[in-house]
Amino acid sequence: MSHVHRSLSIPAEMDARINQIALEAGTTPSVIVGKALSLYLVATEKKRLGLKLGFAKESEQFETEFVGL
């Protein structure tokens, strides 16, 4: 997969949270932002199909499950 460098402006608090999540996950802020954008893209695609994004307890059935987040 090819990569594109993109610059964006985010609040300092969000940047700090992204950095903290990356540190806890043992990865980079770029990976975290990439995963967040992937989730957003799937959510908007599913919304066009009349589906909603939500959260459920482990015992509940999913239409789609996100793996690797």
C-alpha atoms as a PDB file:
ATOM      1  CA  MET A   1       0.000   0.000   0.000  1.00  0.00           C
ATOM      2  CA  SER A   2       1.384   3.409  -0.905  1.00  0.00           C
ATOM      3  CA  HIS A   3       1.340   6.190   1.643  1.00  0.00           C
ATOM      4  CA  VAL A   4       0.538   9.893   1.332  1.00  0.00           C
ATOM      5  CA  HIS A   5       1.751  12.476   3.807  1.00  0.00           C
ATOM      6  CA  ARG A   6      -1.032  14.801   4.925  1.00  0.00           C
ATOM      7  CA  SER A   7      -0.910  17.673   7.340  1.00  0.00           C
ATOM      8  CA  LEU A   8      -3.822  18.414   9.688  1.00  0.00           C
ATOM      9  CA  SER A   9      -4.636  20.701  12.554  1.00  0.00           C
ATOM     10  CA  ILE A  10      -6.162  19.173  15.704  1.00  0.00           C
ATOM     11  CA  PRO A  11      -6.660  20.443  19.257  1.00  0.00           C
ATOM     12  CA  ALA A  12      -3.714  19.909  21.603  1.00  0.00           C
ATOM     13  CA  GLU A  13      -5.879  17.741  23.896  1.00  0.00           C
ATOM     14  CA  MET A  14      -6.702  15.398  21.014  1.00  0.00           C
ATOM     15  CA  ASP A  15      -3.039  15.184  20.042  1.00  0.00           C
ATOM     16  CA  ALA A  16      -2.113  14.294  23.613  1.00  0.00           C
ATOM     17  CA  ARG A  17      -4.781  11.567  23.694  1.00  0.00           C
ATOM     18  CA  ILE A  18      -3.618  10.133  20.358  1.00  0.00           C
ATOM     19  CA  ASN A  19      -0.034  10.047  21.634  1.00  0.00           C
ATOM     20  CA  GLN A  20      -1.135   8.340  24.872  1.00  0.00           C
ATOM     21  CA  ILE A  21      -3.159   5.699  23.004  1.00  0.00           C
ATOM     22  CA  ALA A  22      -0.214   5.054  20.667  1.00  0.00           C
ATOM     23  CA  LEU A  23       2.148   4.670  23.620  1.00  0.00           C
ATOM     24  CA  GLU A  24      -0.216   2.241  25.369  1.00  0.00           C
ATOM     25  CA  ALA A  25      -0.685   0.241  22.150  1.00  0.00           C
ATOM     26  CA  GLY A  26       3.041   0.179  21.358  1.00  0.00           C
ATOM     27  CA  THR A  27       2.550   1.859  17.996  1.00  0.00           C
ATOM     28  CA  THR A  28       2.740   5.291  16.395  1.00  0.00           C
ATOM     29  CA  PRO A  29       0.275   8.180  16.352  1.00  0.00           C
ATOM     30  CA  SER A  30       0.062   7.753  12.558  1.00  0.00           C
ATOM     31  CA  VAL A  31      -1.203   4.192  12.980  1.00  0.00           C
ATOM     32  CA  ILE A  32      -3.799   5.325  15.530  1.00  0.00           C
ATOM     33  CA  VAL A  33      -5.059   8.130  13.282  1.00  0.00           C
ATOM     34  CA  GLY A  34      -5.137   5.730  10.326  1.00  0.00           C
ATOM     35  CA  LYS A  35      -7.247   3.241  12.287  1.00  0.00           C
ATOM     36  CA  ALA A  36      -9.593   6.013  13.429  1.00  0.00           C
ATOM     37  CA  LEU A  37     -10.060   7.204   9.849  1.00  0.00           C
ATOM     38  CA  SER A  38     -10.667   3.625   8.681  1.00  0.00           C
ATOM     39  CA  LEU A  39     -13.394   3.269  11.289  1.00  0.00           C
ATOM     40  CA  TYR A  40     -14.940   6.578  10.193  1.00  0.00           C
ATOM     41  CA  LEU A  41     -14.893   5.536   6.529  1.00  0.00           C
ATOM     42  CA  VAL A  42     -16.630   2.243   7.310  1.00  0.00           C
ATOM     43  CA  ALA A  43     -19.186   4.001   9.513  1.00  0.00           C
ATOM     44  CA  THR A  44     -20.096   6.498   6.778  1.00  0.00           C
ATOM     45  CA  GLU A  45     -20.323   3.696   4.191  1.00  0.00           C
ATOM     46  CA  LYS A  46     -22.630   1.659   6.429  1.00  0.00           C
ATOM     47  CA  LYS A  47     -24.747   4.739   7.221  1.00  0.00           C
ATOM     48  CA  ARG A  48     -25.449   5.087   3.479  1.00  0.00           C
ATOM     49  CA  LEU A  49     -26.722   1.495   3.622  1.00  0.00           C
ATOM     50  CA  GLY A  50     -29.085   2.331   6.489  1.00  0.00           C
ATOM     51  CA  LEU A  51     -26.956   0.788   9.225  1.00  0.00           C
ATOM     52  CA  LYS A  52     -25.744   2.430  12.425  1.00  0.00           C
ATOM     53  CA  LEU A  53     -22.489   2.179  14.352  1.00  0.00           C
ATOM     54  CA  GLY A  54     -22.838   1.273  18.003  1.00  0.00           C
ATOM     55  CA  PHE A  55     -21.456  -0.690  20.899  1.00  0.00           C
ATOM     56  CA  ALA A  56     -22.697  -3.933  22.392  1.00  0.00           C
ATOM     57  CA  LYS A  57     -21.777  -6.304  25.168  1.00  0.00           C
ATOM     58  CA  GLU A  58     -19.768  -9.361  24.143  1.00  0.00           C
ATOM     59  CA  SER A  59     -22.835 -11.591  24.476  1.00  0.00           C
ATOM     60  CA  GLU A  60     -24.808  -9.647  21.861  1.00  0.00           C
ATOM     61  CA  GLN A  61     -24.772 -10.464  18.141  1.00  0.00           C
ATOM     62  CA  PHE A  62     -23.053  -8.097  15.684  1.00  0.00           C
ATOM     63  CA  GLU A  63     -23.912  -7.298  12.081  1.00  0.00           C
ATOM     64  CA  THR A  64     -20.257  -6.343  11.554  1.00  0.00           C
ATOM     65  CA  GLU A  65     -17.371  -6.669  13.990  1.00  0.00           C
ATOM     66  CA  PHE A  66     -14.213  -4.562  13.740  1.00  0.00           C
ATOM     67  CA  VAL A  67     -11.060  -6.565  14.369  1.00  0.00           C
ATOM     68  CA  GLY A  68      -7.619  -5.091  14.949  1.00  0.00           C
ATOM     69  CA  LEU A  69      -8.616  -1.774  16.494  1.00  0.00           C
END
